Amino acid sequence: MRYSNEDLKQKALNEQWIGQGTPENPYVIESTHTFLDGSAIKDSTLHIIMKNCTFRHLTLKRCQNLKFEGCTFEVLNFLKCSNISIDDCSFNLKLSLIRSNNSLIIDSLIVYLNIASSFENRFKSCSITRIYNHFSKANTFEAIETTIQDFDTIMGVKSKKFFLMILGLPIAGIILLTSAIGRFINTFSSLIIWSLIGGIFLMVFIFLVSTIAIFYDYKKMQKYPPNKIL
């Protein structure tokens, strides 16, 4: 289920949420809620505070002004979000920030943090067990409890080296294509040969598109300074 601003206003009216969704009088949801598993809140600018709620899988898309206090999640995804506040929450599987910025996460337990092309977010007094950093920069990690040594790596590999590794995949695909054509052209029927060629071309195309997308993320984040560990 996806909820827009208007959907949330109607939901607030139907369920008699406290507040008006404004900065001075935000909506307040405490303990219980009716967001189904897999729900997405999309393009919301309403001011909403959720307290002591439990979610399995919630996604926020292009949202602002949401605040979670004392909530428990299996998975929470941010996508192009900003000004999200998280206080004293726990993420039993994953917290993902994708192309998101200017959010605050404090006093929270994060089993797995996925932070991709995100910047100027602040993590304070959190426990983080694992991190996957996809070119995210200019984030601040303050008083973090973790065994992680370098917050600027992607699965332990420096971002530039990781990009070069990914760049090598379509090159390897082209080599495989050439080799396959030469090996099997005199052995199999033309139908099988062209099926093979089509499949390999598709594989190379997917790798090329993925590489371009990764290059875009890499270049976009170069203007930001490294993550800061305090």
C-alpha atoms as a PDB file:
ATOM      1  CA  MET A   1       0.000   0.000   0.000  1.00  0.00           C
ATOM      2  CA  ARG A   2       1.317   3.452  -0.968  1.00  0.00           C
ATOM      3  CA  TYR A   3       0.346   6.598   0.887  1.00  0.00           C
ATOM      4  CA  SER A   4       0.619  10.118  -0.530  1.00  0.00           C
ATOM      5  CA  ASN A   5      -0.008  13.380   1.354  1.00  0.00           C
ATOM      6  CA  GLU A   6      -3.711  13.198   0.565  1.00  0.00           C
ATOM      7  CA  ASP A   7      -3.925   9.527   1.526  1.00  0.00           C
ATOM      8  CA  LEU A   8      -2.299  10.290   4.870  1.00  0.00           C
ATOM      9  CA  LYS A   9      -4.667  13.188   5.544  1.00  0.00           C
ATOM     10  CA  GLN A  10      -7.624  10.920   4.856  1.00  0.00           C
ATOM     11  CA  LYS A  11      -6.099   8.193   7.019  1.00  0.00           C
ATOM     12  CA  ALA A  12      -5.573  10.720   9.820  1.00  0.00           C
ATOM     13  CA  LEU A  13      -9.227  11.744   9.568  1.00  0.00           C
ATOM     14  CA  ASN A  14     -10.545   8.180   9.479  1.00  0.00           C
ATOM     15  CA  GLU A  15      -8.370   6.991  12.366  1.00  0.00           C
ATOM     16  CA  GLN A  16      -8.583  10.217  14.356  1.00  0.00           C
ATOM     17  CA  TRP A  17      -4.870  10.870  14.661  1.00  0.00           C
ATOM     18  CA  ILE A  18      -3.816  13.500  17.158  1.00  0.00           C
ATOM     19  CA  GLY A  19      -2.629  16.756  15.528  1.00  0.00           C
ATOM     20  CA  GLN A  20      -2.952  18.503  12.188  1.00  0.00           C
ATOM     21  CA  GLY A  21       0.253  17.516  10.372  1.00  0.00           C
ATOM     22  CA  THR A  22       1.824  20.983  10.716  1.00  0.00           C
ATOM     23  CA  PRO A  23       5.189  21.937  12.271  1.00  0.00           C
ATOM     24  CA  GLU A  24       3.350  23.490  15.235  1.00  0.00           C
ATOM     25  CA  ASN A  25       0.884  20.616  15.629  1.00  0.00           C
ATOM     26  CA  PRO A  26       2.230  17.403  14.031  1.00  0.00           C
ATOM     27  CA  TYR A  27       0.275  14.215  13.676  1.00  0.00           C
ATOM     28  CA  VAL A  28       1.173  11.821  16.524  1.00  0.00           C
ATOM     29  CA  ILE A  29       0.803   8.042  16.246  1.00  0.00           C
ATOM     30  CA  GLU A  30       1.538   6.071  19.412  1.00  0.00           C
ATOM     31  CA  SER A  31       2.094   2.323  19.929  1.00  0.00           C
ATOM     32  CA  THR A  32      -0.337   1.032  17.295  1.00  0.00           C
ATOM     33  CA  HIS A  33      -0.784   1.815  13.607  1.00  0.00           C
ATOM     34  CA  THR A  34      -2.516   0.385  10.550  1.00  0.00           C
ATOM     35  CA  PHE A  35       0.378   0.538   8.056  1.00  0.00           C
ATOM     36  CA  LEU A  36       0.502  -2.905   6.452  1.00  0.00           C
ATOM     37  CA  ASP A  37       3.748  -4.804   5.971  1.00  0.00           C
ATOM     38  CA  GLY A  38       5.448  -3.501   2.841  1.00  0.00           C
ATOM     39  CA  SER A  39       3.737  -0.103   2.955  1.00  0.00           C
ATOM     40  CA  ALA A  40       5.361   2.918   1.328  1.00  0.00           C
ATOM     41  CA  ILE A  41       4.885   6.566   2.285  1.00  0.00           C
ATOM     42  CA  LYS A  42       5.478   8.606  -0.869  1.00  0.00           C
ATOM     43  CA  ASP A  43       6.034  12.340  -1.458  1.00  0.00           C
ATOM     44  CA  SER A  44       4.900  13.264   2.045  1.00  0.00           C
ATOM     45  CA  THR A  45       5.734  16.661   3.535  1.00  0.00           C
ATOM     46  CA  LEU A  46       3.383  16.317   6.507  1.00  0.00           C
ATOM     47  CA  HIS A  47       4.861  16.520   9.987  1.00  0.00           C
ATOM     48  CA  ILE A  48       4.282  13.122  11.595  1.00  0.00           C
ATOM     49  CA  ILE A  49       5.682  11.647  14.820  1.00  0.00           C
ATOM     50  CA  MET A  50       5.446   7.864  15.305  1.00  0.00           C
ATOM     51  CA  LYS A  51       6.124   6.689  18.869  1.00  0.00           C
ATOM     52  CA  ASN A  52       6.780   3.154  20.113  1.00  0.00           C
ATOM     53  CA  CYS A  53       5.455   1.541  16.936  1.00  0.00           C
ATOM     54  CA  THR A  54       6.546  -1.781  15.435  1.00  0.00           C
ATOM     55  CA  PHE A  55       7.034  -2.236  11.687  1.00  0.00           C
ATOM     56  CA  ARG A  56       8.236  -5.163   9.630  1.00  0.00           C
ATOM     57  CA  HIS A  57       9.011  -3.439   6.329  1.00  0.00           C
ATOM     58  CA  LEU A  58       8.404   0.262   5.683  1.00  0.00           C
ATOM     59  CA  THR A  59       9.636   2.392   2.765  1.00  0.00           C
ATOM     60  CA  LEU A  60       9.816   6.188   2.604  1.00  0.00           C
ATOM     61  CA  LYS A  61      10.055   7.737  -0.893  1.00  0.00           C
ATOM     62  CA  ARG A  62      10.829  11.444  -1.315  1.00  0.00           C
ATOM     63  CA  CYS A  63       9.572  12.166   2.189  1.00  0.00           C
ATOM     64  CA  GLN A  64      10.366  14.909   4.680  1.00  0.00           C
ATOM     65  CA  ASN A  65       9.493  15.811   8.268  1.00  0.00           C
ATOM     66  CA  LEU A  66       8.844  12.280   9.592  1.00  0.00           C
ATOM     67  CA  LYS A  67      10.035  11.438  13.093  1.00  0.00           C
ATOM     68  CA  PHE A  68      10.282   7.988  14.694  1.00  0.00           C
ATOM     69  CA  GLU A  69      10.758   7.619  18.456  1.00  0.00           C
ATOM     70  CA  GLY A  70      11.262   4.282  20.229  1.00  0.00           C
ATOM     71  CA  CYS A  71      10.138   2.273  17.186  1.00  0.00           C
ATOM     72  CA  THR A  72      11.211  -1.228  16.146  1.00  0.00           C
ATOM     73  CA  PHE A  73      11.759  -2.202  12.517  1.00  0.00           C
ATOM     74  CA  GLU A  74      12.897  -5.222  10.621  1.00  0.00           C
ATOM     75  CA  VAL A  75      13.601  -3.059   7.546  1.00  0.00           C
ATOM     76  CA  LEU A  76      13.285   0.684   6.954  1.00  0.00           C
ATOM     77  CA  ASN A  77      14.192   2.148   3.558  1.00  0.00           C
ATOM     78  CA  PHE A  78      14.764   5.836   2.757  1.00  0.00           C
ATOM     79  CA  LEU A  79      14.714   6.742  -0.942  1.00  0.00           C
ATOM     80  CA  LYS A  80      15.474  10.375  -1.842  1.00  0.00           C
ATOM     81  CA  CYS A  81      14.369  11.545   1.593  1.00  0.00           C
ATOM     82  CA  SER A  82      15.526  14.439   3.768  1.00  0.00           C
ATOM     83  CA  ASN A  83      14.892  15.792   7.256  1.00  0.00           C
ATOM     84  CA  ILE A  84      13.926  12.433   8.718  1.00  0.00           C
ATOM     85  CA  SER A  85      14.543  12.014  12.457  1.00  0.00           C
ATOM     86  CA  ILE A  86      15.067   8.671  14.199  1.00  0.00           C
ATOM     87  CA  ASP A  87      15.524   8.479  17.980  1.00  0.00           C
ATOM     88  CA  ASP A  88      15.994   5.345  20.119  1.00  0.00           C
ATOM     89  CA  CYS A  89      14.881   2.894  17.425  1.00  0.00           C
ATOM     90  CA  SER A  90      16.100  -0.583  16.530  1.00  0.00           C
ATOM     91  CA  PHE A  91      16.562  -2.132  13.077  1.00  0.00           C
ATOM     92  CA  ASN A  92      16.713  -5.899  13.373  1.00  0.00           C
ATOM     93  CA  LEU A  93      17.591  -6.533   9.718  1.00  0.00           C
ATOM     94  CA  LYS A  94      18.451  -3.351   7.815  1.00  0.00           C
ATOM     95  CA  LEU A  95      18.317   0.428   7.616  1.00  0.00           C
ATOM     96  CA  SER A  96      18.822   1.758   4.067  1.00  0.00           C
ATOM     97  CA  LEU A  97      19.503   5.365   3.085  1.00  0.00           C
ATOM     98  CA  ILE A  98      19.507   5.717  -0.708  1.00  0.00           C
ATOM     99  CA  ARG A  99      20.150   9.145  -2.273  1.00  0.00           C
ATOM    100  CA  SER A 100      19.011  10.737   0.979  1.00  0.00           C
ATOM    101  CA  ASN A 101      20.400  13.642   2.959  1.00  0.00           C
ATOM    102  CA  ASN A 102      20.135  15.795   6.084  1.00  0.00           C
ATOM    103  CA  SER A 103      18.581  13.185   8.343  1.00  0.00           C
ATOM    104  CA  LEU A 104      19.397  12.454  11.989  1.00  0.00           C
ATOM    105  CA  ILE A 105      19.684   8.988  13.526  1.00  0.00           C
ATOM    106  CA  ILE A 106      20.512   8.889  17.243  1.00  0.00           C
ATOM    107  CA  ASP A 107      20.635   6.316  20.060  1.00  0.00           C
ATOM    108  CA  SER A 108      19.612   3.493  17.725  1.00  0.00           C
ATOM    109  CA  LEU A 109      20.612  -0.129  17.163  1.00  0.00           C
ATOM    110  CA  ILE A 110      21.400  -0.905  13.515  1.00  0.00           C
ATOM    111  CA  VAL A 111      22.313  -4.478  12.588  1.00  0.00           C
ATOM    112  CA  TYR A 112      23.041  -3.609   8.943  1.00  0.00           C
ATOM    113  CA  LEU A 113      23.367  -0.084   7.530  1.00  0.00           C
ATOM    114  CA  ASN A 114      23.116   0.309   3.752  1.00  0.00           C
ATOM    115  CA  ILE A 115      24.006   3.901   2.831  1.00  0.00           C
ATOM    116  CA  ALA A 116      24.085   4.594  -0.908  1.00  0.00           C
ATOM    117  CA  SER A 117      24.840   7.943  -2.590  1.00  0.00           C
ATOM    118  CA  SER A 118      23.686   9.739   0.542  1.00  0.00           C
ATOM    119  CA  PHE A 119      25.257  12.785   2.146  1.00  0.00           C
ATOM    120  CA  GLU A 120      25.165  15.084   5.168  1.00  0.00           C
ATOM    121  CA  ASN A 121      23.319  12.634   7.391  1.00  0.00           C
ATOM    122  CA  ARG A 122      24.237  12.377  11.056  1.00  0.00           C
ATOM    123  CA  PHE A 123      24.517   9.220  13.138  1.00  0.00           C
ATOM    124  CA  LYS A 124      25.034   9.785  16.864  1.00  0.00           C
ATOM    125  CA  SER A 125      25.370   7.310  19.750  1.00  0.00           C
ATOM    126  CA  CYS A 126      24.291   4.386  17.561  1.00  0.00           C
ATOM    127  CA  SER A 127      25.413   0.760  17.544  1.00  0.00           C
ATOM    128  CA  ILE A 128      26.195  -0.374  13.979  1.00  0.00           C
ATOM    129  CA  THR A 129      27.195  -3.996  13.351  1.00  0.00           C
ATOM    130  CA  ARG A 130      27.719  -3.943   9.562  1.00  0.00           C
ATOM    131  CA  ILE A 131      27.829  -1.225   6.916  1.00  0.00           C
ATOM    132  CA  TYR A 132      27.651  -1.184   3.119  1.00  0.00           C
ATOM    133  CA  ASN A 133      28.743   2.226   1.838  1.00  0.00           C
ATOM    134  CA  HIS A 134      28.057   2.893  -1.840  1.00  0.00           C
ATOM    135  CA  PHE A 135      29.898   6.191  -2.498  1.00  0.00           C
ATOM    136  CA  SER A 136      28.161   8.028   0.381  1.00  0.00           C
ATOM    137  CA  LYS A 137      30.151  10.976   1.729  1.00  0.00           C
ATOM    138  CA  ALA A 138      29.966  13.969   4.085  1.00  0.00           C
ATOM    139  CA  ASN A 139      28.075  11.953   6.692  1.00  0.00           C
ATOM    140  CA  THR A 140      28.939  12.310  10.376  1.00  0.00           C
ATOM    141  CA  PHE A 141      29.337   9.332  12.707  1.00  0.00           C
ATOM    142  CA  GLU A 142      29.598  10.475  16.319  1.00  0.00           C
ATOM    143  CA  ALA A 143      30.144   8.229  19.361  1.00  0.00           C
ATOM    144  CA  ILE A 144      29.353   5.102  17.325  1.00  0.00           C
ATOM    145  CA  GLU A 145      29.680   1.665  18.900  1.00  0.00           C
ATOM    146  CA  THR A 146      31.104  -0.574  16.174  1.00  0.00           C
ATOM    147  CA  THR A 147      34.039  -2.714  15.078  1.00  0.00           C
ATOM    148  CA  ILE A 148      34.058  -1.051  11.615  1.00  0.00           C
ATOM    149  CA  GLN A 149      37.417   0.554  10.855  1.00  0.00           C
ATOM    150  CA  ASP A 150      36.660   2.554   7.701  1.00  0.00           C
ATOM    151  CA  PHE A 151      33.282   4.124   6.891  1.00  0.00           C
ATOM    152  CA  ASP A 152      34.415   5.147   3.386  1.00  0.00           C
ATOM    153  CA  THR A 153      34.765   1.624   1.991  1.00  0.00           C
ATOM    154  CA  ILE A 154      32.347  -0.572   0.063  1.00  0.00           C
ATOM    155  CA  MET A 155      32.428  -3.982   1.712  1.00  0.00           C
ATOM    156  CA  GLY A 156      36.026  -3.296   2.688  1.00  0.00           C
ATOM    157  CA  VAL A 157      37.104  -2.042  -0.758  1.00  0.00           C
ATOM    158  CA  LYS A 158      37.924   1.618  -1.468  1.00  0.00           C
ATOM    159  CA  SER A 159      35.228   3.213  -3.627  1.00  0.00           C
ATOM    160  CA  LYS A 160      37.523   3.991  -6.588  1.00  0.00           C
ATOM    161  CA  LYS A 161      38.877   0.448  -6.659  1.00  0.00           C
ATOM    162  CA  PHE A 162      35.323  -0.903  -6.410  1.00  0.00           C
ATOM    163  CA  PHE A 163      34.282   1.180  -9.420  1.00  0.00           C
ATOM    164  CA  LEU A 164      37.206  -0.128 -11.470  1.00  0.00           C
ATOM    165  CA  MET A 165      36.241  -3.681 -10.526  1.00  0.00           C
ATOM    166  CA  ILE A 166      32.673  -3.106 -11.730  1.00  0.00           C
ATOM    167  CA  LEU A 167      33.981  -1.461 -14.915  1.00  0.00           C
ATOM    168  CA  GLY A 168      35.813  -4.673 -15.720  1.00  0.00           C
ATOM    169  CA  LEU A 169      32.613  -6.723 -15.835  1.00  0.00           C
ATOM    170  CA  PRO A 170      31.327  -5.560 -19.267  1.00  0.00           C
ATOM    171  CA  ILE A 171      34.854  -5.912 -20.661  1.00  0.00           C
ATOM    172  CA  ALA A 172      34.888  -9.499 -19.450  1.00  0.00           C
ATOM    173  CA  GLY A 173      31.463  -9.989 -21.028  1.00  0.00           C
ATOM    174  CA  ILE A 174      32.711  -8.791 -24.425  1.00  0.00           C
ATOM    175  CA  ILE A 175      35.660 -11.165 -24.213  1.00  0.00           C
ATOM    176  CA  LEU A 176      33.301 -14.023 -23.367  1.00  0.00           C
ATOM    177  CA  LEU A 177      31.090 -13.089 -26.309  1.00  0.00           C
ATOM    178  CA  THR A 178      33.971 -13.162 -28.788  1.00  0.00           C
ATOM    179  CA  SER A 179      35.310 -16.402 -27.371  1.00  0.00           C
ATOM    180  CA  ALA A 180      31.907 -18.111 -27.449  1.00  0.00           C
ATOM    181  CA  ILE A 181      31.248 -17.180 -31.050  1.00  0.00           C
ATOM    182  CA  GLY A 182      34.629 -18.475 -32.168  1.00  0.00           C
ATOM    183  CA  ARG A 183      34.308 -21.719 -30.177  1.00  0.00           C
ATOM    184  CA  PHE A 184      30.810 -22.764 -31.158  1.00  0.00           C
ATOM    185  CA  ILE A 185      30.224 -21.275 -34.612  1.00  0.00           C
ATOM    186  CA  ASN A 186      31.150 -24.523 -36.405  1.00  0.00           C
ATOM    187  CA  THR A 187      29.589 -26.861 -33.858  1.00  0.00           C
ATOM    188  CA  PHE A 188      25.986 -25.861 -33.243  1.00  0.00           C
ATOM    189  CA  SER A 189      23.056 -24.903 -35.429  1.00  0.00           C
ATOM    190  CA  SER A 190      22.601 -21.277 -36.418  1.00  0.00           C
ATOM    191  CA  LEU A 191      19.546 -20.983 -34.138  1.00  0.00           C
ATOM    192  CA  ILE A 192      21.555 -21.997 -31.073  1.00  0.00           C
ATOM    193  CA  ILE A 193      24.423 -19.735 -32.114  1.00  0.00           C
ATOM    194  CA  TRP A 194      22.198 -16.669 -32.444  1.00  0.00           C
ATOM    195  CA  SER A 195      20.412 -17.502 -29.184  1.00  0.00           C
ATOM    196  CA  LEU A 196      23.802 -17.653 -27.504  1.00  0.00           C
ATOM    197  CA  ILE A 197      24.902 -14.383 -29.103  1.00  0.00           C
ATOM    198  CA  GLY A 198      21.664 -12.669 -28.076  1.00  0.00           C
ATOM    199  CA  GLY A 199      21.978 -13.872 -24.493  1.00  0.00           C
ATOM    200  CA  ILE A 200      25.556 -12.689 -24.183  1.00  0.00           C
ATOM    201  CA  PHE A 201      24.755  -9.336 -25.791  1.00  0.00           C
ATOM    202  CA  LEU A 202      21.949  -8.901 -23.247  1.00  0.00           C
ATOM    203  CA  MET A 203      24.335  -9.712 -20.427  1.00  0.00           C
ATOM    204  CA  VAL A 204      26.878  -7.180 -21.723  1.00  0.00           C
ATOM    205  CA  PHE A 205      24.146  -4.543 -22.113  1.00  0.00           C
ATOM    206  CA  ILE A 206      23.006  -5.034 -18.502  1.00  0.00           C
ATOM    207  CA  PHE A 207      26.587  -4.733 -17.289  1.00  0.00           C
ATOM    208  CA  LEU A 208      27.095  -1.552 -19.319  1.00  0.00           C
ATOM    209  CA  VAL A 209      23.926   0.077 -17.972  1.00  0.00           C
ATOM    210  CA  SER A 210      24.891  -0.892 -14.423  1.00  0.00           C
ATOM    211  CA  THR A 211      28.374   0.522 -14.908  1.00  0.00           C
ATOM    212  CA  ILE A 212      27.026   3.840 -16.231  1.00  0.00           C
ATOM    213  CA  ALA A 213      24.706   4.108 -13.227  1.00  0.00           C
ATOM    214  CA  ILE A 214      27.557   3.383 -10.823  1.00  0.00           C
ATOM    215  CA  PHE A 215      29.793   5.905 -12.605  1.00  0.00           C
ATOM    216  CA  TYR A 216      27.057   8.549 -12.235  1.00  0.00           C
ATOM    217  CA  ASP A 217      26.847   7.876  -8.490  1.00  0.00           C
ATOM    218  CA  TYR A 218      30.629   7.938  -8.176  1.00  0.00           C
ATOM    219  CA  LYS A 219      31.051  11.284  -9.998  1.00  0.00           C
ATOM    220  CA  LYS A 220      28.103  12.926  -8.231  1.00  0.00           C
ATOM    221  CA  MET A 221      29.554  12.209  -4.783  1.00  0.00           C
ATOM    222  CA  GLN A 222      33.096  13.409  -5.583  1.00  0.00           C
ATOM    223  CA  LYS A 223      32.229  17.011  -4.682  1.00  0.00           C
ATOM    224  CA  TYR A 224      31.524  16.051  -1.065  1.00  0.00           C
ATOM    225  CA  PRO A 225      34.206  15.628   1.631  1.00  0.00           C
ATOM    226  CA  PRO A 226      34.851  12.237   3.264  1.00  0.00           C
ATOM    227  CA  ASN A 227      32.666  10.921   6.037  1.00  0.00           C
ATOM    228  CA  LYS A 228      33.570  12.302   9.436  1.00  0.00           C
ATOM    229  CA  ILE A 229      34.175  10.039  12.438  1.00  0.00           C
ATOM    230  CA  LEU A 230      33.928  11.755  15.818  1.00  0.00           C
END
